Amino acid sequence: MDTAFRRSYHGARAALEQVLQDEAGSDAAHVGDELWAVARLLDGNAALRRSLADPSREGVDRAGLAERLLSGRIGQGALQVTQAVAAQRWAGPGVLADALERLGVEAVLAHAERHGRLGQVEDELFRFSRIVEGDVDLQAALSDRRAEPAARVTLVDRLLAVKTAPETVRLARQAAGGLRARRFDRAVAAYLEQAAERQQQVTATVVSAVPLTHEQHEKLVGALSRQYGRQVHTNVVIDESVVGGIRVEIGDEVIDGTVSHRLEQARRQMTS
């Protein structure tokens, strides 16, 4: 997220937080659904995107245009957030849909947080993304932009278990529907990053040949939390090919202490 986007997004997110605070008893997930609906509308209408992002017009005028176009079509809360998005200055028309999608994710995560399911949603979404990643046919089906978005969404509905948190299903459906032809895995990765940010933590993917014991897991989390100065949430992936040891991935940083990695290093040294 670049500085310009962050500044504009901060203003729009403040509007969302105010809506969620003012309407504490409302369905925050429904607000998210409506923001995603607006994002899809903008994604498919270039003229509307240009009008709502027109830098030659004052922010209040763009917000007024959003109100005239959407009043009565979406709830008051989602409308207020959309007006706040239109009032900001963005790098280009296409960024509006991205901002609205991101705000929709925030609303759904807030709904999960209210019901004590935010950690569950993060874990379920991660596990589902790993299932998709490990199945070539499934990955292709969810990434096929020639297929109708509704077909990809229906596939997600069939795959997710009944016991899955409703917010997990919502997020997976949105990732499958896709804005601006974004791939399913990239959308899910962005959603997981937002979930970690909302919980003010860093997420680490830990790859191990065998499950970690409770003591090993606690020691690892403690060490990583001290190193990064924030609470670290771990997603553990079992991969027998690493032989032994663990690999930790946090963002673009990789700490590889696996036996397979050390063997590969030794092989390279012997053949160099």
C-alpha atoms as a PDB file:
ATOM      1  CA  MET A   1       0.000   0.000   0.000  1.00  0.00           C
ATOM      2  CA  ASP A   2       1.749   3.193  -1.173  1.00  0.00           C
ATOM      3  CA  THR A   3       1.714   6.436   0.806  1.00  0.00           C
ATOM      4  CA  ALA A   4      -0.884   8.216  -1.348  1.00  0.00           C
ATOM      5  CA  PHE A   5      -3.297   5.287  -1.207  1.00  0.00           C
ATOM      6  CA  ARG A   6      -2.723   4.873   2.530  1.00  0.00           C
ATOM      7  CA  ARG A   7      -3.562   8.527   3.186  1.00  0.00           C
ATOM      8  CA  SER A   8      -6.807   8.441   1.188  1.00  0.00           C
ATOM      9  CA  TYR A   9      -7.741   5.025   2.533  1.00  0.00           C
ATOM     10  CA  HIS A  10      -7.241   6.203   6.106  1.00  0.00           C
ATOM     11  CA  GLY A  11      -9.895   8.880   5.596  1.00  0.00           C
ATOM     12  CA  ALA A  12     -12.363   6.414   4.075  1.00  0.00           C
ATOM     13  CA  ARG A  13     -11.693   3.811   6.756  1.00  0.00           C
ATOM     14  CA  ALA A  14     -12.426   6.381   9.457  1.00  0.00           C
ATOM     15  CA  ALA A  15     -15.871   6.757   7.913  1.00  0.00           C
ATOM     16  CA  LEU A  16     -16.375   2.986   8.028  1.00  0.00           C
ATOM     17  CA  GLU A  17     -15.321   2.754  11.666  1.00  0.00           C
ATOM     18  CA  GLN A  18     -17.735   5.572  12.503  1.00  0.00           C
ATOM     19  CA  VAL A  19     -20.580   3.784  10.724  1.00  0.00           C
ATOM     20  CA  LEU A  20     -19.825   0.536  12.551  1.00  0.00           C
ATOM     21  CA  GLN A  21     -19.651   2.385  15.845  1.00  0.00           C
ATOM     22  CA  ASP A  22     -22.879   4.323  15.284  1.00  0.00           C
ATOM     23  CA  GLU A  23     -24.688   1.190  14.146  1.00  0.00           C
ATOM     24  CA  ALA A  24     -23.205  -1.217  16.689  1.00  0.00           C
ATOM     25  CA  GLY A  25     -26.304  -3.407  16.562  1.00  0.00           C
ATOM     26  CA  SER A  26     -26.336  -3.608  12.768  1.00  0.00           C
ATOM     27  CA  ASP A  27     -25.025  -6.405  10.591  1.00  0.00           C
ATOM     28  CA  ALA A  28     -21.510  -5.217   9.763  1.00  0.00           C
ATOM     29  CA  ALA A  29     -21.121  -8.119   7.333  1.00  0.00           C
ATOM     30  CA  HIS A  30     -24.122  -6.819   5.370  1.00  0.00           C
ATOM     31  CA  VAL A  31     -22.402  -3.436   5.131  1.00  0.00           C
ATOM     32  CA  GLY A  32     -19.416  -5.315   3.701  1.00  0.00           C
ATOM     33  CA  ASP A  33     -21.611  -7.087   1.167  1.00  0.00           C
ATOM     34  CA  GLU A  34     -23.035  -3.769  -0.007  1.00  0.00           C
ATOM     35  CA  LEU A  35     -19.591  -2.179  -0.315  1.00  0.00           C
ATOM     36  CA  TRP A  36     -18.501  -5.138  -2.437  1.00  0.00           C
ATOM     37  CA  ALA A  37     -21.600  -4.689  -4.593  1.00  0.00           C
ATOM     38  CA  VAL A  38     -20.629  -1.056  -5.220  1.00  0.00           C
ATOM     39  CA  ALA A  39     -17.064  -2.149  -5.980  1.00  0.00           C
ATOM     40  CA  ARG A  40     -18.367  -4.598  -8.606  1.00  0.00           C
ATOM     41  CA  LEU A  41     -20.570  -1.862 -10.065  1.00  0.00           C
ATOM     42  CA  LEU A  42     -17.562   0.439 -10.455  1.00  0.00           C
ATOM     43  CA  ASP A  43     -15.399  -2.412 -11.728  1.00  0.00           C
ATOM     44  CA  GLY A  44     -17.794  -2.917 -14.628  1.00  0.00           C
ATOM     45  CA  ASN A  45     -18.547   0.738 -15.410  1.00  0.00           C
ATOM     46  CA  ALA A  46     -15.565   2.820 -16.559  1.00  0.00           C
ATOM     47  CA  ALA A  47     -17.627   6.001 -17.021  1.00  0.00           C
ATOM     48  CA  LEU A  48     -18.914   5.839 -13.450  1.00  0.00           C
ATOM     49  CA  ARG A  49     -15.397   5.216 -12.113  1.00  0.00           C
ATOM     50  CA  ARG A  50     -14.093   8.270 -13.931  1.00  0.00           C
ATOM     51  CA  SER A  51     -16.934  10.458 -12.658  1.00  0.00           C
ATOM     52  CA  LEU A  52     -16.480   9.455  -9.024  1.00  0.00           C
ATOM     53  CA  ALA A  53     -12.694   9.914  -9.241  1.00  0.00           C
ATOM     54  CA  ASP A  54     -12.669  13.080 -11.370  1.00  0.00           C
ATOM     55  CA  PRO A  55      -9.881  15.249  -9.858  1.00  0.00           C
ATOM     56  CA  SER A  56     -11.335  18.387 -11.455  1.00  0.00           C
ATOM     57  CA  ARG A  57     -14.377  18.169  -9.158  1.00  0.00           C
ATOM     58  CA  GLU A  58     -14.420  18.930  -5.466  1.00  0.00           C
ATOM     59  CA  GLY A  59     -14.645  16.004  -3.092  1.00  0.00           C
ATOM     60  CA  VAL A  60     -18.018  17.145  -1.801  1.00  0.00           C
ATOM     61  CA  ASP A  61     -19.352  17.148  -5.374  1.00  0.00           C
ATOM     62  CA  ARG A  62     -18.126  13.598  -5.985  1.00  0.00           C
ATOM     63  CA  ALA A  63     -19.693  12.499  -2.685  1.00  0.00           C
ATOM     64  CA  GLY A  64     -22.962  14.142  -3.754  1.00  0.00           C
ATOM     65  CA  LEU A  65     -22.865  12.284  -7.053  1.00  0.00           C
ATOM     66  CA  ALA A  66     -22.414   8.987  -5.189  1.00  0.00           C
ATOM     67  CA  GLU A  67     -25.431   9.810  -3.045  1.00  0.00           C
ATOM     68  CA  ARG A  68     -27.632  10.633  -6.043  1.00  0.00           C
ATOM     69  CA  LEU A  69     -26.641   7.435  -7.840  1.00  0.00           C
ATOM     70  CA  LEU A  70     -26.846   5.009  -4.923  1.00  0.00           C
ATOM     71  CA  SER A  71     -29.378   6.397  -2.454  1.00  0.00           C
ATOM     72  CA  GLY A  72     -32.124   3.825  -1.979  1.00  0.00           C
ATOM     73  CA  ARG A  73     -30.067   1.101  -3.642  1.00  0.00           C
ATOM     74  CA  ILE A  74     -27.829   0.380  -0.643  1.00  0.00           C
ATOM     75  CA  GLY A  75     -28.154   0.972   3.101  1.00  0.00           C
ATOM     76  CA  GLN A  76     -27.320   4.299   4.714  1.00  0.00           C
ATOM     77  CA  GLY A  77     -24.141   2.966   6.327  1.00  0.00           C
ATOM     78  CA  ALA A  78     -22.672   1.635   3.083  1.00  0.00           C
ATOM     79  CA  LEU A  79     -23.740   4.832   1.328  1.00  0.00           C
ATOM     80  CA  GLN A  80     -21.870   6.988   3.863  1.00  0.00           C
ATOM     81  CA  VAL A  81     -18.716   4.947   3.372  1.00  0.00           C
ATOM     82  CA  THR A  82     -19.030   5.107  -0.421  1.00  0.00           C
ATOM     83  CA  GLN A  83     -19.425   8.892  -0.214  1.00  0.00           C
ATOM     84  CA  ALA A  84     -16.287   9.063   1.923  1.00  0.00           C
ATOM     85  CA  VAL A  85     -14.406   7.035  -0.693  1.00  0.00           C
ATOM     86  CA  ALA A  86     -15.629   9.298  -3.497  1.00  0.00           C
ATOM     87  CA  ALA A  87     -14.595  12.396  -1.517  1.00  0.00           C
ATOM     88  CA  GLN A  88     -10.967  11.249  -1.315  1.00  0.00           C
ATOM     89  CA  ARG A  89      -8.354  11.787  -4.002  1.00  0.00           C
ATOM     90  CA  TRP A  90      -7.031   8.588  -5.568  1.00  0.00           C
ATOM     91  CA  ALA A  91      -4.220   7.827  -7.988  1.00  0.00           C
ATOM     92  CA  GLY A  92      -6.710   6.734 -10.657  1.00  0.00           C
ATOM     93  CA  PRO A  93     -10.347   5.715 -11.230  1.00  0.00           C
ATOM     94  CA  GLY A  94      -9.631   2.011 -10.852  1.00  0.00           C
ATOM     95  CA  VAL A  95      -8.384   2.466  -7.304  1.00  0.00           C
ATOM     96  CA  LEU A  96     -11.904   3.280  -6.048  1.00  0.00           C
ATOM     97  CA  ALA A  97     -13.050  -0.306  -6.531  1.00  0.00           C
ATOM     98  CA  ASP A  98      -9.937  -1.587  -4.757  1.00  0.00           C
ATOM     99  CA  ALA A  99     -10.588   0.717  -1.792  1.00  0.00           C
ATOM    100  CA  LEU A 100     -14.244  -0.318  -1.569  1.00  0.00           C
ATOM    101  CA  GLU A 101     -13.344  -3.997  -1.691  1.00  0.00           C
ATOM    102  CA  ARG A 102     -10.786  -3.526   1.071  1.00  0.00           C
ATOM    103  CA  LEU A 103     -13.317  -1.630   3.203  1.00  0.00           C
ATOM    104  CA  GLY A 104     -15.845  -4.405   2.621  1.00  0.00           C
ATOM    105  CA  VAL A 105     -13.295  -6.877   3.964  1.00  0.00           C
ATOM    106  CA  GLU A 106     -12.789  -4.643   7.010  1.00  0.00           C
ATOM    107  CA  ALA A 107     -16.525  -4.661   7.679  1.00  0.00           C
ATOM    108  CA  VAL A 108     -16.761  -8.457   7.440  1.00  0.00           C
ATOM    109  CA  LEU A 109     -13.742  -8.866   9.727  1.00  0.00           C
ATOM    110  CA  ALA A 110     -15.315  -6.434  12.196  1.00  0.00           C
ATOM    111  CA  HIS A 111     -18.466  -8.572  12.180  1.00  0.00           C
ATOM    112  CA  ALA A 112     -16.379 -11.678  12.946  1.00  0.00           C
ATOM    113  CA  GLU A 113     -14.590  -9.784  15.721  1.00  0.00           C
ATOM    114  CA  ARG A 114     -17.889  -8.784  17.337  1.00  0.00           C
ATOM    115  CA  HIS A 115     -18.898 -12.433  17.477  1.00  0.00           C
ATOM    116  CA  GLY A 116     -15.540 -13.707  18.732  1.00  0.00           C
ATOM    117  CA  ARG A 117     -14.696 -15.467  15.456  1.00  0.00           C
ATOM    118  CA  LEU A 118     -11.899 -13.359  13.992  1.00  0.00           C
ATOM    119  CA  GLY A 119      -9.109 -15.802  14.805  1.00  0.00           C
ATOM    120  CA  GLN A 120     -11.237 -18.694  13.546  1.00  0.00           C
ATOM    121  CA  VAL A 121     -11.912 -16.878  10.279  1.00  0.00           C
ATOM    122  CA  GLU A 122      -8.217 -16.210   9.730  1.00  0.00           C
ATOM    123  CA  ASP A 123      -7.336 -19.861  10.356  1.00  0.00           C
ATOM    124  CA  GLU A 124     -10.151 -21.220   8.165  1.00  0.00           C
ATOM    125  CA  LEU A 125      -9.377 -18.898   5.289  1.00  0.00           C
ATOM    126  CA  PHE A 126      -5.706 -19.833   5.425  1.00  0.00           C
ATOM    127  CA  ARG A 127      -6.469 -23.571   5.475  1.00  0.00           C
ATOM    128  CA  PHE A 128      -8.864 -23.211   2.552  1.00  0.00           C
ATOM    129  CA  SER A 129      -6.244 -21.308   0.564  1.00  0.00           C
ATOM    130  CA  ARG A 130      -3.785 -24.151   1.196  1.00  0.00           C
ATOM    131  CA  ILE A 131      -6.317 -26.716  -0.008  1.00  0.00           C
ATOM    132  CA  VAL A 132      -6.795 -24.720  -3.213  1.00  0.00           C
ATOM    133  CA  GLU A 133      -3.051 -24.292  -3.653  1.00  0.00           C
ATOM    134  CA  GLY A 134      -2.505 -28.034  -3.327  1.00  0.00           C
ATOM    135  CA  ASP A 135      -5.095 -29.016  -5.961  1.00  0.00           C
ATOM    136  CA  VAL A 136      -4.154 -28.046  -9.518  1.00  0.00           C
ATOM    137  CA  ASP A 137      -7.659 -28.563 -10.901  1.00  0.00           C
ATOM    138  CA  LEU A 138      -9.295 -26.598  -8.108  1.00  0.00           C
ATOM    139  CA  GLN A 139      -6.784 -23.798  -8.435  1.00  0.00           C
ATOM    140  CA  ALA A 140      -7.467 -23.598 -12.160  1.00  0.00           C
ATOM    141  CA  ALA A 141     -11.237 -23.588 -11.634  1.00  0.00           C
ATOM    142  CA  LEU A 142     -11.100 -20.694  -9.163  1.00  0.00           C
ATOM    143  CA  SER A 143      -8.636 -18.741 -11.295  1.00  0.00           C
ATOM    144  CA  ASP A 144     -10.386 -19.200 -14.652  1.00  0.00           C
ATOM    145  CA  ARG A 145     -11.512 -15.685 -15.585  1.00  0.00           C
ATOM    146  CA  ARG A 146     -13.352 -17.067 -18.629  1.00  0.00           C
ATOM    147  CA  ALA A 147     -15.850 -18.693 -16.264  1.00  0.00           C
ATOM    148  CA  GLU A 148     -18.714 -16.654 -14.879  1.00  0.00           C
ATOM    149  CA  PRO A 149     -17.975 -15.256 -11.387  1.00  0.00           C
ATOM    150  CA  ALA A 150     -21.229 -16.841 -10.174  1.00  0.00           C
ATOM    151  CA  ALA A 151     -19.908 -20.282 -11.155  1.00  0.00           C
ATOM    152  CA  ARG A 152     -16.715 -19.779  -9.149  1.00  0.00           C
ATOM    153  CA  VAL A 153     -18.730 -18.557  -6.166  1.00  0.00           C
ATOM    154  CA  THR A 154     -21.000 -21.614  -6.380  1.00  0.00           C
ATOM    155  CA  LEU A 155     -17.916 -23.834  -6.347  1.00  0.00           C
ATOM    156  CA  VAL A 156     -16.746 -22.170  -3.123  1.00  0.00           C
ATOM    157  CA  ASP A 157     -20.161 -22.761  -1.551  1.00  0.00           C
ATOM    158  CA  ARG A 158     -19.931 -26.463  -2.383  1.00  0.00           C
ATOM    159  CA  LEU A 159     -16.412 -26.807  -1.005  1.00  0.00           C
ATOM    160  CA  LEU A 160     -16.687 -25.064   2.345  1.00  0.00           C
ATOM    161  CA  ALA A 161     -18.004 -27.169   5.200  1.00  0.00           C
ATOM    162  CA  VAL A 162     -21.233 -26.352   7.008  1.00  0.00           C
ATOM    163  CA  LYS A 163     -19.317 -25.632  10.223  1.00  0.00           C
ATOM    164  CA  THR A 164     -17.197 -22.942   8.560  1.00  0.00           C
ATOM    165  CA  ALA A 165     -17.705 -19.441   9.992  1.00  0.00           C
ATOM    166  CA  PRO A 166     -20.109 -17.384   7.835  1.00  0.00           C
ATOM    167  CA  GLU A 167     -17.497 -14.633   7.478  1.00  0.00           C
ATOM    168  CA  THR A 168     -15.015 -17.152   6.046  1.00  0.00           C
ATOM    169  CA  VAL A 169     -17.561 -18.130   3.414  1.00  0.00           C
ATOM    170  CA  ARG A 170     -18.240 -14.475   2.585  1.00  0.00           C
ATOM    171  CA  LEU A 171     -14.546 -13.717   2.137  1.00  0.00           C
ATOM    172  CA  ALA A 172     -13.884 -16.837   0.067  1.00  0.00           C
ATOM    173  CA  ARG A 173     -16.866 -16.035  -2.165  1.00  0.00           C
ATOM    174  CA  GLN A 174     -15.619 -12.495  -2.701  1.00  0.00           C
ATOM    175  CA  ALA A 175     -12.109 -13.724  -3.531  1.00  0.00           C
ATOM    176  CA  ALA A 176     -13.559 -16.200  -6.024  1.00  0.00           C
ATOM    177  CA  GLY A 177     -15.757 -13.542  -7.648  1.00  0.00           C
ATOM    178  CA  GLY A 178     -12.683 -11.408  -8.146  1.00  0.00           C
ATOM    179  CA  LEU A 179     -12.336  -7.725  -8.998  1.00  0.00           C
ATOM    180  CA  ARG A 180     -10.238  -6.564 -11.931  1.00  0.00           C
ATOM    181  CA  ALA A 181      -9.351 -10.181 -12.772  1.00  0.00           C
ATOM    182  CA  ARG A 182      -7.345 -10.594  -9.568  1.00  0.00           C
ATOM    183  CA  ARG A 183      -6.410 -14.191  -8.844  1.00  0.00           C
ATOM    184  CA  PHE A 184      -8.077 -16.060  -6.001  1.00  0.00           C
ATOM    185  CA  ASP A 185      -4.833 -16.739  -4.109  1.00  0.00           C
ATOM    186  CA  ARG A 186      -3.751 -13.109  -4.239  1.00  0.00           C
ATOM    187  CA  ALA A 187      -7.122 -11.894  -3.014  1.00  0.00           C
ATOM    188  CA  VAL A 188      -7.078 -14.326  -0.093  1.00  0.00           C
ATOM    189  CA  ALA A 189      -3.505 -13.322   0.798  1.00  0.00           C
ATOM    190  CA  ALA A 190      -4.620  -9.678   0.948  1.00  0.00           C
ATOM    191  CA  TYR A 191      -7.608 -10.569   3.155  1.00  0.00           C
ATOM    192  CA  LEU A 192      -5.377 -12.527   5.544  1.00  0.00           C
ATOM    193  CA  GLU A 193      -3.037  -9.558   5.786  1.00  0.00           C
ATOM    194  CA  GLN A 194      -5.980  -7.344   6.742  1.00  0.00           C
ATOM    195  CA  ALA A 195      -7.088  -9.864   9.375  1.00  0.00           C
ATOM    196  CA  ALA A 196      -3.604  -9.805  10.906  1.00  0.00           C
ATOM    197  CA  GLU A 197      -3.539  -5.993  10.868  1.00  0.00           C
ATOM    198  CA  ARG A 198      -6.925  -5.819  12.582  1.00  0.00           C
ATOM    199  CA  GLN A 199      -5.609  -8.012  15.373  1.00  0.00           C
ATOM    200  CA  GLN A 200      -2.410  -5.927  15.496  1.00  0.00           C
ATOM    201  CA  GLN A 201      -0.283  -8.953  14.855  1.00  0.00           C
ATOM    202  CA  VAL A 202       2.147 -10.394  12.337  1.00  0.00           C
ATOM    203  CA  THR A 203       1.281 -13.638  10.585  1.00  0.00           C
ATOM    204  CA  ALA A 204       3.964 -16.258  10.037  1.00  0.00           C
ATOM    205  CA  THR A 205       3.665 -19.378   7.894  1.00  0.00           C
ATOM    206  CA  VAL A 206       5.634 -22.173   9.534  1.00  0.00           C
ATOM    207  CA  VAL A 207       6.538 -25.190   7.397  1.00  0.00           C
ATOM    208  CA  SER A 208       7.545 -28.346   9.298  1.00  0.00           C
ATOM    209  CA  ALA A 209       7.900 -32.041   8.499  1.00  0.00           C
ATOM    210  CA  VAL A 210       5.899 -32.984  11.607  1.00  0.00           C
ATOM    211  CA  PRO A 211       3.380 -31.168  13.837  1.00  0.00           C
ATOM    212  CA  LEU A 212       4.964 -28.967  16.495  1.00  0.00           C
ATOM    213  CA  THR A 213       4.406 -29.843  20.134  1.00  0.00           C
ATOM    214  CA  HIS A 214       2.616 -27.272  22.276  1.00  0.00           C
ATOM    215  CA  GLU A 215       5.915 -26.368  23.957  1.00  0.00           C
ATOM    216  CA  GLN A 216       7.733 -25.987  20.630  1.00  0.00           C
ATOM    217  CA  HIS A 217       4.937 -23.836  19.261  1.00  0.00           C
ATOM    218  CA  GLU A 218       4.888 -21.555  22.314  1.00  0.00           C
ATOM    219  CA  LYS A 219       8.677 -21.121  22.234  1.00  0.00           C
ATOM    220  CA  LEU A 220       8.587 -20.289  18.529  1.00  0.00           C
ATOM    221  CA  VAL A 221       5.777 -17.756  18.921  1.00  0.00           C
ATOM    222  CA  GLY A 222       7.570 -16.142  21.852  1.00  0.00           C
ATOM    223  CA  ALA A 223      10.852 -15.845  19.963  1.00  0.00           C
ATOM    224  CA  LEU A 224       9.216 -14.421  16.838  1.00  0.00           C
ATOM    225  CA  SER A 225       7.085 -11.978  18.845  1.00  0.00           C
ATOM    226  CA  ARG A 226      10.193 -10.635  20.584  1.00  0.00           C
ATOM    227  CA  GLN A 227      12.053 -10.362  17.288  1.00  0.00           C
ATOM    228  CA  TYR A 228       9.268  -8.457  15.493  1.00  0.00           C
ATOM    229  CA  GLY A 229       8.010  -6.466  18.471  1.00  0.00           C
ATOM    230  CA  ARG A 230       4.415  -7.584  17.891  1.00  0.00           C
ATOM    231  CA  GLN A 231       2.290 -10.615  18.624  1.00  0.00           C
ATOM    232  CA  VAL A 232       2.880 -13.272  15.971  1.00  0.00           C
ATOM    233  CA  HIS A 233       0.133 -15.594  14.749  1.00  0.00           C
ATOM    234  CA  THR A 234       1.368 -18.802  13.163  1.00  0.00           C
ATOM    235  CA  ASN A 235      -0.159 -20.894  10.394  1.00  0.00           C
ATOM    236  CA  VAL A 236       1.561 -24.288  10.485  1.00  0.00           C
ATOM    237  CA  VAL A 237       1.912 -26.290   7.270  1.00  0.00           C
ATOM    238  CA  ILE A 238       3.052 -29.915   7.372  1.00  0.00           C
ATOM    239  CA  ASP A 239       5.377 -30.822   4.503  1.00  0.00           C
ATOM    240  CA  GLU A 240       7.336 -34.083   4.808  1.00  0.00           C
ATOM    241  CA  SER A 241       9.710 -33.026   2.031  1.00  0.00           C
ATOM    242  CA  VAL A 242      11.507 -30.612   4.374  1.00  0.00           C
ATOM    243  CA  VAL A 243      12.774 -33.740   6.261  1.00  0.00           C
ATOM    244  CA  GLY A 244      13.386 -31.885   9.533  1.00  0.00           C
ATOM    245  CA  GLY A 245      13.674 -28.420  11.041  1.00  0.00           C
ATOM    246  CA  ILE A 246      11.308 -25.589  10.120  1.00  0.00           C
ATOM    247  CA  ARG A 247      10.944 -22.776   7.613  1.00  0.00           C
ATOM    248  CA  VAL A 248       9.305 -19.517   8.729  1.00  0.00           C
ATOM    249  CA  GLU A 249       7.839 -17.094   6.182  1.00  0.00           C
ATOM    250  CA  ILE A 250       6.775 -13.609   7.301  1.00  0.00           C
ATOM    251  CA  GLY A 251       5.892 -11.378   4.389  1.00  0.00           C
ATOM    252  CA  ASP A 252       8.871 -11.395   2.026  1.00  0.00           C
ATOM    253  CA  GLU A 253      11.256 -12.619   4.730  1.00  0.00           C
ATOM    254  CA  VAL A 254      12.134 -16.318   4.908  1.00  0.00           C
ATOM    255  CA  ILE A 255      14.012 -17.983   7.758  1.00  0.00           C
ATOM    256  CA  ASP A 256      14.891 -21.442   6.438  1.00  0.00           C
ATOM    257  CA  GLY A 257      16.278 -23.884   8.985  1.00  0.00           C
ATOM    258  CA  THR A 258      15.042 -27.053   7.310  1.00  0.00           C
ATOM    259  CA  VAL A 259      17.223 -30.090   6.728  1.00  0.00           C
ATOM    260  CA  SER A 260      16.323 -30.084   3.030  1.00  0.00           C
ATOM    261  CA  HIS A 261      17.570 -26.499   2.737  1.00  0.00           C
ATOM    262  CA  ARG A 262      20.862 -27.321   4.460  1.00  0.00           C
ATOM    263  CA  LEU A 263      21.331 -30.371   2.249  1.00  0.00           C
ATOM    264  CA  GLU A 264      20.721 -28.248  -0.840  1.00  0.00           C
ATOM    265  CA  GLN A 265      23.284 -25.699   0.360  1.00  0.00           C
ATOM    266  CA  ALA A 266      25.821 -28.494   0.900  1.00  0.00           C
ATOM    267  CA  ARG A 267      25.148 -29.908  -2.572  1.00  0.00           C
ATOM    268  CA  ARG A 268      25.733 -26.506  -4.157  1.00  0.00           C
ATOM    269  CA  GLN A 269      29.000 -26.039  -2.299  1.00  0.00           C
ATOM    270  CA  MET A 270      30.227 -29.465  -3.426  1.00  0.00           C
ATOM    271  CA  THR A 271      29.396 -28.801  -7.087  1.00  0.00           C
ATOM    272  CA  SER A 272      30.585 -25.187  -7.243  1.00  0.00           C
END
